[in-house]
Amino acid sequence: WHVFAWTGLYPRYLFPWPGDVLQSLSQQLHQGVLGE
């Protein structure tokens, strides 16, 4: 996943890096929305 994202075949907003996904997940958890 990281290697494919690093190649830049797709823009980052279309194919996010693993770190972007973890950041989105962390924000949802911190806000308490994901649990709901």
Full PDB file with SEQRES, HELIX, SHEET, SSBOND, CRYST1, ORIGX, SCALE, CONECT and MASTER records, all heavy atoms in Angstrom:
SEQRES   1 A   36  TRP HIS VAL PHE ALA TRP THR GLY LEU TYR PRO ARG TYR          
SEQRES   2 A   36  LEU PHE PRO TRP PRO GLY ASP VAL LEU GLN SER LEU SER          
SEQRES   3 A   36  GLN GLN LEU HIS GLN GLY VAL LEU GLY GLU                      
HELIX    1 AA1 HIS A    2  TRP A    6  1                                   5    
HELIX    2 AA2 PRO A   18  GLN A   31  1                                  14    
CRYST1    1.000    1.000    1.000  90.00  90.00  90.00 P 1           1          
ORIGX1      1.000000  0.000000  0.000000        0.00000                         
ORIGX2      0.000000  1.000000  0.000000        0.00000                         
ORIGX3      0.000000  0.000000  1.000000        0.00000                         
SCALE1      1.000000  0.000000  0.000000        0.00000                         
SCALE2      0.000000  1.000000  0.000000        0.00000                         
SCALE3      0.000000  0.000000  1.000000        0.00000                         
ATOM      1  N   TRP A   1       0.839  -1.204   0.000  1.00  0.00           N  
ATOM      2  CA  TRP A   1       0.000   0.000   0.000  1.00  0.00           C  
ATOM      3  C   TRP A   1       0.872   1.253   0.000  1.00  0.00           C  
ATOM      4  O   TRP A   1       0.649   2.184  -0.787  1.00  0.00           O  
ATOM      5  CB  TRP A   1      -0.909  -0.052   1.219  1.00  0.00           C  
ATOM      6  CG  TRP A   1      -1.856   1.109   1.381  1.00  0.00           C  
ATOM      7  CD1 TRP A   1      -2.018   2.171   0.530  1.00  0.00           C  
ATOM      8  CD2 TRP A   1      -2.760   1.322   2.462  1.00  0.00           C  
ATOM      9  NE1 TRP A   1      -2.971   3.025   1.021  1.00  0.00           N  
ATOM     10  CE2 TRP A   1      -3.445   2.533   2.197  1.00  0.00           C  
ATOM     11  CE3 TRP A   1      -3.056   0.603   3.618  1.00  0.00           C  
ATOM     12  CZ2 TRP A   1      -4.398   3.039   3.068  1.00  0.00           C  
ATOM     13  CZ3 TRP A   1      -4.020   1.107   4.474  1.00  0.00           C  
ATOM     14  CH2 TRP A   1      -4.674   2.305   4.199  1.00  0.00           C  
ATOM     15  N   HIS A   2       1.864   1.265   0.869  1.00  0.00           N  
ATOM     16  CA  HIS A   2       2.759   2.429   0.969  1.00  0.00           C  
ATOM     17  C   HIS A   2       3.540   2.640  -0.325  1.00  0.00           C  
ATOM     18  O   HIS A   2       3.675   3.777  -0.809  1.00  0.00           O  
ATOM     19  CB  HIS A   2       3.714   2.235   2.143  1.00  0.00           C  
ATOM     20  CG  HIS A   2       4.497   3.458   2.490  1.00  0.00           C  
ATOM     21  ND1 HIS A   2       4.030   4.448   3.327  1.00  0.00           N  
ATOM     22  CD2 HIS A   2       5.736   3.868   2.086  1.00  0.00           C  
ATOM     23  CE1 HIS A   2       4.921   5.398   3.442  1.00  0.00           C  
ATOM     24  NE2 HIS A   2       5.978   5.075   2.702  1.00  0.00           N  
ATOM     25  N   VAL A   3       4.036   1.562  -0.901  1.00  0.00           N  
ATOM     26  CA  VAL A   3       4.817   1.671  -2.138  1.00  0.00           C  
ATOM     27  C   VAL A   3       3.944   2.187  -3.276  1.00  0.00           C  
ATOM     28  O   VAL A   3       4.362   3.059  -4.056  1.00  0.00           O  
ATOM     29  CB  VAL A   3       5.443   0.311  -2.487  1.00  0.00           C  
ATOM     30  CG1 VAL A   3       6.052   0.343  -3.898  1.00  0.00           C  
ATOM     31  CG2 VAL A   3       6.522  -0.059  -1.474  1.00  0.00           C  
ATOM     32  N   PHE A   4       2.726   1.653  -3.385  1.00  0.00           N  
ATOM     33  CA  PHE A   4       1.837   2.089  -4.461  1.00  0.00           C  
ATOM     34  C   PHE A   4       1.477   3.560  -4.297  1.00  0.00           C  
ATOM     35  O   PHE A   4       1.410   4.317  -5.282  1.00  0.00           O  
ATOM     36  CB  PHE A   4       0.573   1.229  -4.466  1.00  0.00           C  
ATOM     37  CG  PHE A   4      -0.276   1.427  -5.685  1.00  0.00           C  
ATOM     38  CD1 PHE A   4       0.012   0.783  -6.869  1.00  0.00           C  
ATOM     39  CD2 PHE A   4      -1.374   2.290  -5.643  1.00  0.00           C  
ATOM     40  CE1 PHE A   4      -0.774   0.970  -8.001  1.00  0.00           C  
ATOM     41  CE2 PHE A   4      -2.167   2.485  -6.766  1.00  0.00           C  
ATOM     42  CZ  PHE A   4      -1.865   1.823  -7.946  1.00  0.00           C  
ATOM     43  N   ALA A   5       1.229   4.001  -3.058  1.00  0.00           N  
ATOM     44  CA  ALA A   5       0.926   5.413  -2.819  1.00  0.00           C  
ATOM     45  C   ALA A   5       2.144   6.278  -3.139  1.00  0.00           C  
ATOM     46  O   ALA A   5       2.001   7.389  -3.668  1.00  0.00           O  
ATOM     47  CB  ALA A   5       0.486   5.619  -1.373  1.00  0.00           C  
ATOM     48  N   TRP A   6       3.333   5.779  -2.843  1.00  0.00           N  
ATOM     49  CA  TRP A   6       4.563   6.538  -3.075  1.00  0.00           C  
ATOM     50  C   TRP A   6       4.843   6.750  -4.558  1.00  0.00           C  
ATOM     51  O   TRP A   6       5.448   7.744  -4.953  1.00  0.00           O  
ATOM     52  CB  TRP A   6       5.732   5.784  -2.429  1.00  0.00           C  
ATOM     53  CG  TRP A   6       7.063   6.440  -2.631  1.00  0.00           C  
ATOM     54  CD1 TRP A   6       7.574   7.524  -1.998  1.00  0.00           C  
ATOM     55  CD2 TRP A   6       8.066   6.018  -3.574  1.00  0.00           C  
ATOM     56  NE1 TRP A   6       8.841   7.831  -2.468  1.00  0.00           N  
ATOM     57  CE2 TRP A   6       9.156   6.910  -3.434  1.00  0.00           C  
ATOM     58  CE3 TRP A   6       8.142   4.988  -4.491  1.00  0.00           C  
ATOM     59  CZ2 TRP A   6      10.302   6.779  -4.200  1.00  0.00           C  
ATOM     60  CZ3 TRP A   6       9.281   4.862  -5.260  1.00  0.00           C  
ATOM     61  CH2 TRP A   6      10.360   5.755  -5.106  1.00  0.00           C  
ATOM     62  N   THR A   7       4.381   5.831  -5.401  1.00  0.00           N  
ATOM     63  CA  THR A   7       4.615   5.972  -6.842  1.00  0.00           C  
ATOM     64  C   THR A   7       3.903   7.190  -7.417  1.00  0.00           C  
ATOM     65  O   THR A   7       4.292   7.695  -8.481  1.00  0.00           O  
ATOM     66  CB  THR A   7       4.134   4.720  -7.590  1.00  0.00           C  
ATOM     67  OG1 THR A   7       2.723   4.546  -7.387  1.00  0.00           O  
ATOM     68  CG2 THR A   7       4.877   3.483  -7.114  1.00  0.00           C  
ATOM     69  N   GLY A   8       2.856   7.664  -6.748  1.00  0.00           N  
ATOM     70  CA  GLY A   8       2.144   8.839  -7.227  1.00  0.00           C  
ATOM     71  C   GLY A   8       1.289   8.589  -8.452  1.00  0.00           C  
ATOM     72  O   GLY A   8       0.954   9.525  -9.183  1.00  0.00           O  
ATOM     73  N   LEU A   9       0.926   7.333  -8.695  1.00  0.00           N  
ATOM     74  CA  LEU A   9       0.089   7.013  -9.848  1.00  0.00           C  
ATOM     75  C   LEU A   9      -1.263   7.723  -9.744  1.00  0.00           C  
ATOM     76  O   LEU A   9      -1.832   8.142 -10.746  1.00  0.00           O  
ATOM     77  CB  LEU A   9      -0.111   5.497  -9.944  1.00  0.00           C  
ATOM     78  CG  LEU A   9      -0.872   4.974 -11.157  1.00  0.00           C  
ATOM     79  CD1 LEU A   9      -0.133   5.318 -12.449  1.00  0.00           C  
ATOM     80  CD2 LEU A   9      -1.082   3.453 -11.057  1.00  0.00           C  
ATOM     81  N   TYR A  10      -1.764   7.847  -8.518  1.00  0.00           N  
ATOM     82  CA  TYR A  10      -2.981   8.604  -8.261  1.00  0.00           C  
ATOM     83  C   TYR A  10      -2.650   9.737  -7.304  1.00  0.00           C  
ATOM     84  O   TYR A  10      -1.778   9.606  -6.441  1.00  0.00           O  
ATOM     85  CB  TYR A  10      -4.059   7.710  -7.633  1.00  0.00           C  
ATOM     86  CG  TYR A  10      -4.647   6.694  -8.584  1.00  0.00           C  
ATOM     87  CD1 TYR A  10      -4.189   5.385  -8.575  1.00  0.00           C  
ATOM     88  CD2 TYR A  10      -5.650   7.049  -9.478  1.00  0.00           C  
ATOM     89  CE1 TYR A  10      -4.726   4.445  -9.446  1.00  0.00           C  
ATOM     90  CE2 TYR A  10      -6.199   6.125 -10.341  1.00  0.00           C  
ATOM     91  CZ  TYR A  10      -5.729   4.820 -10.324  1.00  0.00           C  
ATOM     92  OH  TYR A  10      -6.257   3.900 -11.190  1.00  0.00           O  
ATOM     93  N   PRO A  11      -3.358  10.873  -7.429  1.00  0.00           N  
ATOM     94  CA  PRO A  11      -3.151  11.962  -6.462  1.00  0.00           C  
ATOM     95  C   PRO A  11      -3.476  11.492  -5.046  1.00  0.00           C  
ATOM     96  O   PRO A  11      -4.261  10.570  -4.844  1.00  0.00           O  
ATOM     97  CB  PRO A  11      -4.139  13.045  -6.925  1.00  0.00           C  
ATOM     98  CG  PRO A  11      -4.449  12.716  -8.339  1.00  0.00           C  
ATOM     99  CD  PRO A  11      -4.347  11.234  -8.472  1.00  0.00           C  
ATOM    100  N   ARG A  12      -2.887  12.174  -4.090  1.00  0.00           N  
ATOM    101  CA  ARG A  12      -3.046  11.758  -2.701  1.00  0.00           C  
ATOM    102  C   ARG A  12      -4.493  11.835  -2.235  1.00  0.00           C  
ATOM    103  O   ARG A  12      -4.928  11.038  -1.403  1.00  0.00           O  
ATOM    104  CB  ARG A  12      -2.150  12.618  -1.799  1.00  0.00           C  
ATOM    105  CG  ARG A  12      -2.029  12.101  -0.377  1.00  0.00           C  
ATOM    106  CD  ARG A  12      -0.829  12.710   0.302  1.00  0.00           C  
ATOM    107  NE  ARG A  12      -0.648  12.176   1.647  1.00  0.00           N  
ATOM    108  CZ  ARG A  12       0.460  12.363   2.369  1.00  0.00           C  
ATOM    109  NH1 ARG A  12       1.477  13.053   1.863  1.00  0.00           N  
ATOM    110  NH2 ARG A  12       0.546  11.856   3.585  1.00  0.00           N  
ATOM    111  N   TYR A  13      -5.254  12.772  -2.786  1.00  0.00           N  
ATOM    112  CA  TYR A  13      -6.645  12.888  -2.352  1.00  0.00           C  
ATOM    113  C   TYR A  13      -7.508  11.760  -2.910  1.00  0.00           C  
ATOM    114  O   TYR A  13      -8.621  11.518  -2.422  1.00  0.00           O  
ATOM    115  CB  TYR A  13      -7.226  14.252  -2.747  1.00  0.00           C  
ATOM    116  CG  TYR A  13      -7.484  14.437  -4.228  1.00  0.00           C  
ATOM    117  CD1 TYR A  13      -8.729  14.124  -4.774  1.00  0.00           C  
ATOM    118  CD2 TYR A  13      -6.490  14.935  -5.064  1.00  0.00           C  
ATOM    119  CE1 TYR A  13      -8.974  14.301  -6.128  1.00  0.00           C  
ATOM    120  CE2 TYR A  13      -6.728  15.109  -6.415  1.00  0.00           C  
ATOM    121  CZ  TYR A  13      -7.967  14.793  -6.944  1.00  0.00           C  
ATOM    122  OH  TYR A  13      -8.186  14.973  -8.286  1.00  0.00           O  
ATOM    123  N   LEU A  14      -7.014  11.056  -3.945  1.00  0.00           N  
ATOM    124  CA  LEU A  14      -7.730   9.908  -4.486  1.00  0.00           C  
ATOM    125  C   LEU A  14      -7.235   8.584  -3.909  1.00  0.00           C  
ATOM    126  O   LEU A  14      -8.024   7.648  -3.740  1.00  0.00           O  
ATOM    127  CB  LEU A  14      -7.596   9.870  -6.017  1.00  0.00           C  
ATOM    128  CG  LEU A  14      -8.343  10.942  -6.802  1.00  0.00           C  
ATOM    129  CD1 LEU A  14      -8.112  10.769  -8.295  1.00  0.00           C  
ATOM    130  CD2 LEU A  14      -9.834  10.894  -6.491  1.00  0.00           C  
ATOM    131  N   PHE A  15      -5.949   8.524  -3.634  1.00  0.00           N  
ATOM    132  CA  PHE A  15      -5.364   7.304  -3.066  1.00  0.00           C  
ATOM    133  C   PHE A  15      -4.513   7.698  -1.856  1.00  0.00           C  
ATOM    134  O   PHE A  15      -3.326   7.970  -1.976  1.00  0.00           O  
ATOM    135  CB  PHE A  15      -4.502   6.570  -4.100  1.00  0.00           C  
ATOM    136  CG  PHE A  15      -4.144   5.170  -3.687  1.00  0.00           C  
ATOM    137  CD1 PHE A  15      -4.971   4.105  -4.012  1.00  0.00           C  
ATOM    138  CD2 PHE A  15      -2.991   4.907  -2.964  1.00  0.00           C  
ATOM    139  CE1 PHE A  15      -4.643   2.813  -3.647  1.00  0.00           C  
ATOM    140  CE2 PHE A  15      -2.660   3.623  -2.583  1.00  0.00           C  
ATOM    141  CZ  PHE A  15      -3.488   2.568  -2.927  1.00  0.00           C  
ATOM    142  N   PRO A  16      -5.128   7.756  -0.673  1.00  0.00           N  
ATOM    143  CA  PRO A  16      -4.413   8.263   0.508  1.00  0.00           C  
ATOM    144  C   PRO A  16      -3.338   7.305   0.986  1.00  0.00           C  
ATOM    145  O   PRO A  16      -3.391   6.098   0.740  1.00  0.00           O  
ATOM    146  CB  PRO A  16      -5.537   8.389   1.546  1.00  0.00           C  
ATOM    147  CG  PRO A  16      -6.554   7.394   1.130  1.00  0.00           C  
ATOM    148  CD  PRO A  16      -6.516   7.375  -0.368  1.00  0.00           C  
ATOM    149  N   TRP A  17      -2.356   7.870   1.686  1.00  0.00           N  
ATOM    150  CA  TRP A  17      -1.309   7.077   2.307  1.00  0.00           C  
ATOM    151  C   TRP A  17      -1.871   6.418   3.569  1.00  0.00           C  
ATOM    152  O   TRP A  17      -2.876   6.869   4.129  1.00  0.00           O  
ATOM    153  CB  TRP A  17      -0.121   7.967   2.674  1.00  0.00           C  
ATOM    154  CG  TRP A  17       0.640   8.472   1.484  1.00  0.00           C  
ATOM    155  CD1 TRP A  17       0.132   9.180   0.428  1.00  0.00           C  
ATOM    156  CD2 TRP A  17       2.033   8.326   1.247  1.00  0.00           C  
ATOM    157  NE1 TRP A  17       1.122   9.483  -0.458  1.00  0.00           N  
ATOM    158  CE2 TRP A  17       2.306   8.978   0.016  1.00  0.00           C  
ATOM    159  CE3 TRP A  17       3.087   7.742   1.935  1.00  0.00           C  
ATOM    160  CZ2 TRP A  17       3.581   9.025  -0.530  1.00  0.00           C  
ATOM    161  CZ3 TRP A  17       4.359   7.788   1.394  1.00  0.00           C  
ATOM    162  CH2 TRP A  17       4.607   8.415   0.181  1.00  0.00           C  
ATOM    163  N   PRO A  18      -1.220   5.355   4.051  1.00  0.00           N  
ATOM    164  CA  PRO A  18      -1.668   4.734   5.302  1.00  0.00           C  
ATOM    165  C   PRO A  18      -1.754   5.719   6.466  1.00  0.00           C  
ATOM    166  O   PRO A  18      -2.669   5.650   7.287  1.00  0.00           O  
ATOM    167  CB  PRO A  18      -0.614   3.647   5.560  1.00  0.00           C  
ATOM    168  CG  PRO A  18      -0.093   3.305   4.203  1.00  0.00           C  
ATOM    169  CD  PRO A  18      -0.123   4.581   3.419  1.00  0.00           C  
ATOM    170  N   GLY A  19      -0.807   6.662   6.510  1.00  0.00           N  
ATOM    171  CA  GLY A  19      -0.821   7.659   7.574  1.00  0.00           C  
ATOM    172  C   GLY A  19      -2.058   8.538   7.519  1.00  0.00           C  
ATOM    173  O   GLY A  19      -2.595   8.956   8.558  1.00  0.00           O  
ATOM    174  N   ASP A  20      -2.534   8.856   6.304  1.00  0.00           N  
ATOM    175  CA  ASP A  20      -3.747   9.664   6.162  1.00  0.00           C  
ATOM    176  C   ASP A  20      -4.964   8.930   6.722  1.00  0.00           C  
ATOM    177  O   ASP A  20      -5.836   9.530   7.364  1.00  0.00           O  
ATOM    178  CB  ASP A  20      -3.983  10.000   4.689  1.00  0.00           C  
ATOM    179  CG  ASP A  20      -2.839  10.801   4.088  1.00  0.00           C  
ATOM    180  OD1 ASP A  20      -2.162  11.522   4.861  1.00  0.00           O  
ATOM    181  OD2 ASP A  20      -2.612  10.693   2.870  1.00  0.00           O  
ATOM    182  N   VAL A  21      -5.010   7.628   6.467  1.00  0.00           N  
ATOM    183  CA  VAL A  21      -6.128   6.823   6.963  1.00  0.00           C  
ATOM    184  C   VAL A  21      -6.092   6.759   8.482  1.00  0.00           C  
ATOM    185  O   VAL A  21      -7.123   6.895   9.159  1.00  0.00           O  
ATOM    186  CB  VAL A  21      -6.084   5.411   6.352  1.00  0.00           C  
ATOM    187  CG1 VAL A  21      -7.173   4.522   6.948  1.00  0.00           C  
ATOM    188  CG2 VAL A  21      -6.228   5.491   4.838  1.00  0.00           C  
ATOM    189  N   LEU A  22      -4.908   6.546   9.041  1.00  0.00           N  
ATOM    190  CA  LEU A  22      -4.778   6.503  10.497  1.00  0.00           C  
ATOM    191  C   LEU A  22      -5.161   7.837  11.127  1.00  0.00           C  
ATOM    192  O   LEU A  22      -5.778   7.876  12.197  1.00  0.00           O  
ATOM    193  CB  LEU A  22      -3.349   6.124  10.880  1.00  0.00           C  
ATOM    194  CG  LEU A  22      -2.937   4.680  10.617  1.00  0.00           C  
ATOM    195  CD1 LEU A  22      -1.471   4.470  10.969  1.00  0.00           C  
ATOM    196  CD2 LEU A  22      -3.807   3.719  11.425  1.00  0.00           C  
ATOM    197  N   GLN A  23      -4.809   8.936  10.459  1.00  0.00           N  
ATOM    198  CA  GLN A  23      -5.162  10.257  10.990  1.00  0.00           C  
ATOM    199  C   GLN A  23      -6.678  10.448  10.988  1.00  0.00           C  
ATOM    200  O   GLN A  23      -7.254  10.952  11.966  1.00  0.00           O  
ATOM    201  CB  GLN A  23      -4.499  11.345  10.150  1.00  0.00           C  
ATOM    202  CG  GLN A  23      -4.772  12.758  10.659  1.00  0.00           C  
ATOM    203  CD  GLN A  23      -4.067  13.806   9.825  1.00  0.00           C  
ATOM    204  OE1 GLN A  23      -3.378  13.499   8.860  1.00  0.00           O  
ATOM    205  NE2 GLN A  23      -4.230  15.068  10.206  1.00  0.00           N  
ATOM    206  N   SER A  24      -7.346  10.063   9.915  1.00  0.00           N  
ATOM    207  CA  SER A  24      -8.811  10.169   9.853  1.00  0.00           C  
ATOM    208  C   SER A  24      -9.455   9.304  10.918  1.00  0.00           C  
ATOM    209  O   SER A  24     -10.415   9.717  11.589  1.00  0.00           O  
ATOM    210  CB  SER A  24      -9.313   9.751   8.465  1.00  0.00           C  
ATOM    211  OG  SER A  24      -8.818  10.610   7.470  1.00  0.00           O  
ATOM    212  N   LEU A  25      -8.927   8.100  11.090  1.00  0.00           N  
ATOM    213  CA  LEU A  25      -9.466   7.192  12.101  1.00  0.00           C  
ATOM    214  C   LEU A  25      -9.270   7.752  13.499  1.00  0.00           C  
ATOM    215  O   LEU A  25     -10.173   7.686  14.349  1.00  0.00           O  
ATOM    216  CB  LEU A  25      -8.783   5.826  11.969  1.00  0.00           C  
ATOM    217  CG  LEU A  25      -9.359   4.675  12.792  1.00  0.00           C  
ATOM    218  CD1 LEU A  25     -10.799   4.414  12.402  1.00  0.00           C  
ATOM    219  CD2 LEU A  25      -8.517   3.420  12.586  1.00  0.00           C  
ATOM    220  N   SER A  26      -8.098   8.340  13.745  1.00  0.00           N  
ATOM    221  CA  SER A  26      -7.812   8.924  15.053  1.00  0.00           C  
ATOM    222  C   SER A  26      -8.734  10.101  15.353  1.00  0.00           C  
ATOM    223  O   SER A  26      -9.219  10.250  16.483  1.00  0.00           O  
ATOM    224  CB  SER A  26      -6.350   9.374  15.105  1.00  0.00           C  
ATOM    225  OG  SER A  26      -6.060  10.021  16.316  1.00  0.00           O  
ATOM    226  N   GLN A  27      -9.014  10.908  14.347  1.00  0.00           N  
ATOM    227  CA  GLN A  27      -9.908  12.043  14.556  1.00  0.00           C  
ATOM    228  C   GLN A  27     -11.322  11.584  14.906  1.00  0.00           C  
ATOM    229  O   GLN A  27     -11.963  12.150  15.795  1.00  0.00           O  
ATOM    230  CB  GLN A  27      -9.940  12.907  13.288  1.00  0.00           C  
ATOM    231  CG  GLN A  27      -8.654  13.684  13.031  1.00  0.00           C  
ATOM    232  CD  GLN A  27      -8.697  14.456  11.729  1.00  0.00           C  
ATOM    233  OE1 GLN A  27      -9.622  14.285  10.932  1.00  0.00           O  
ATOM    234  NE2 GLN A  27      -7.689  15.293  11.488  1.00  0.00           N  
ATOM    235  N   GLN A  28     -11.792  10.566  14.212  1.00  0.00           N  
ATOM    236  CA  GLN A  28     -13.129  10.046  14.499  1.00  0.00           C  
ATOM    237  C   GLN A  28     -13.206   9.461  15.904  1.00  0.00           C  
ATOM    238  O   GLN A  28     -14.209   9.634  16.609  1.00  0.00           O  
ATOM    239  CB  GLN A  28     -13.498   8.977  13.459  1.00  0.00           C  
ATOM    240  CG  GLN A  28     -13.670   9.508  12.049  1.00  0.00           C  
ATOM    241  CD  GLN A  28     -14.880  10.407  11.924  1.00  0.00           C  
ATOM    242  OE1 GLN A  28     -15.976  10.063  12.350  1.00  0.00           O  
ATOM    243  NE2 GLN A  28     -14.689  11.571  11.323  1.00  0.00           N  
ATOM    244  N   LEU A  29     -12.162   8.768  16.306  1.00  0.00           N  
ATOM    245  CA  LEU A  29     -12.137   8.200  17.653  1.00  0.00           C  
ATOM    246  C   LEU A  29     -12.085   9.295  18.707  1.00  0.00           C  
ATOM    247  O   LEU A  29     -12.773   9.223  19.735  1.00  0.00           O  
ATOM    248  CB  LEU A  29     -10.932   7.266  17.803  1.00  0.00           C  
ATOM    249  CG  LEU A  29     -11.023   5.913  17.082  1.00  0.00           C  
ATOM    250  CD1 LEU A  29      -9.682   5.196  17.125  1.00  0.00           C  
ATOM    251  CD2 LEU A  29     -12.102   5.049  17.731  1.00  0.00           C  
ATOM    252  N   HIS A  30     -11.276  10.309  18.467  1.00  0.00           N  
ATOM    253  CA  HIS A  30     -11.121  11.403  19.434  1.00  0.00           C  
ATOM    254  C   HIS A  30     -12.422  12.178  19.596  1.00  0.00           C  
ATOM    255  O   HIS A  30     -12.775  12.606  20.712  1.00  0.00           O  
ATOM    256  CB  HIS A  30     -10.000  12.341  18.982  1.00  0.00           C  
ATOM    257  CG  HIS A  30      -9.704  13.434  19.970  1.00  0.00           C  
ATOM    258  ND1 HIS A  30     -10.244  14.697  19.854  1.00  0.00           N  
ATOM    259  CD2 HIS A  30      -8.944  13.443  21.104  1.00  0.00           C  
ATOM    260  CE1 HIS A  30      -9.832  15.444  20.856  1.00  0.00           C  
ATOM    261  NE2 HIS A  30      -9.029  14.719  21.627  1.00  0.00           N  
ATOM    262  N   GLN A  31     -13.161  12.348  18.509  1.00  0.00           N  
ATOM    263  CA  GLN A  31     -14.421  13.080  18.570  1.00  0.00           C  
ATOM    264  C   GLN A  31     -15.566  12.227  19.118  1.00  0.00           C  
ATOM    265  O   GLN A  31     -16.638  12.757  19.396  1.00  0.00           O  
ATOM    266  CB  GLN A  31     -14.789  13.587  17.171  1.00  0.00           C  
ATOM    267  CG  GLN A  31     -13.798  14.605  16.619  1.00  0.00           C  
ATOM    268  CD  GLN A  31     -14.058  14.920  15.152  1.00  0.00           C  
ATOM    269  OE1 GLN A  31     -14.999  14.392  14.550  1.00  0.00           O  
ATOM    270  NE2 GLN A  31     -13.230  15.785  14.572  1.00  0.00           N  
ATOM    271  N   GLY A  32     -15.341  10.931  19.242  1.00  0.00           N  
ATOM    272  CA  GLY A  32     -16.380  10.030  19.735  1.00  0.00           C  
ATOM    273  C   GLY A  32     -17.422   9.663  18.704  1.00  0.00           C  
ATOM    274  O   GLY A  32     -18.411   8.987  19.033  1.00  0.00           O  
ATOM    275  N   VAL A  33     -17.235  10.088  17.457  1.00  0.00           N  
ATOM    276  CA  VAL A  33     -18.229   9.840  16.400  1.00  0.00           C  
ATOM    277  C   VAL A  33     -18.180   8.385  15.950  1.00  0.00           C  
ATOM    278  O   VAL A  33     -19.226   7.761  15.711  1.00  0.00           O  
ATOM    279  CB  VAL A  33     -17.985  10.784  15.203  1.00  0.00           C  
ATOM    280  CG1 VAL A  33     -18.954  10.486  14.067  1.00  0.00           C  
ATOM    281  CG2 VAL A  33     -18.110  12.228  15.647  1.00  0.00           C  
ATOM    282  N   LEU A  34     -16.980   7.835  15.839  1.00  0.00           N  
ATOM    283  CA  LEU A  34     -16.835   6.477  15.328  1.00  0.00           C  
ATOM    284  C   LEU A  34     -17.546   5.465  16.226  1.00  0.00           C  
ATOM    285  O   LEU A  34     -18.208   4.548  15.738  1.00  0.00           O  
ATOM    286  CB  LEU A  34     -15.355   6.124  15.183  1.00  0.00           C  
ATOM    287  CG  LEU A  34     -15.048   4.753  14.578  1.00  0.00           C  
ATOM    288  CD1 LEU A  34     -15.629   4.651  13.172  1.00  0.00           C  
ATOM    289  CD2 LEU A  34     -13.547   4.495  14.558  1.00  0.00           C  
ATOM    290  N   GLY A  35     -17.410   5.624  17.523  1.00  0.00           N  
ATOM    291  CA  GLY A  35     -18.069   4.707  18.444  1.00  0.00           C  
ATOM    292  C   GLY A  35     -19.577   4.722  18.292  1.00  0.00           C  
ATOM    293  O   GLY A  35     -20.236   3.676  18.371  1.00  0.00           O  
ATOM    294  N   GLU A  36     -20.143   5.919  18.051  1.00  0.00           N  
ATOM    295  CA  GLU A  36     -21.590   6.017  17.857  1.00  0.00           C  
ATOM    296  C   GLU A  36     -22.024   5.313  16.581  1.00  0.00           C  
ATOM    297  O   GLU A  36     -23.034   4.591  16.567  1.00  0.00           O  
ATOM    298  CB  GLU A  36     -21.996   7.491  17.807  1.00  0.00           C  
ATOM    299  CG  GLU A  36     -21.762   8.240  19.114  1.00  0.00           C  
ATOM    300  CD  GLU A  36     -22.102   9.714  18.999  1.00  0.00           C  
ATOM    301  OE1 GLU A  36     -22.553  10.117  17.891  1.00  0.00           O  
ATOM    302  OE2 GLU A  36     -21.935  10.456  19.986  1.00  0.00           O  
TER     303      GLU A  36                                                      
MASTER        0    0    0    2    0    0    0    6  302    1    0    3          
END                                                                             
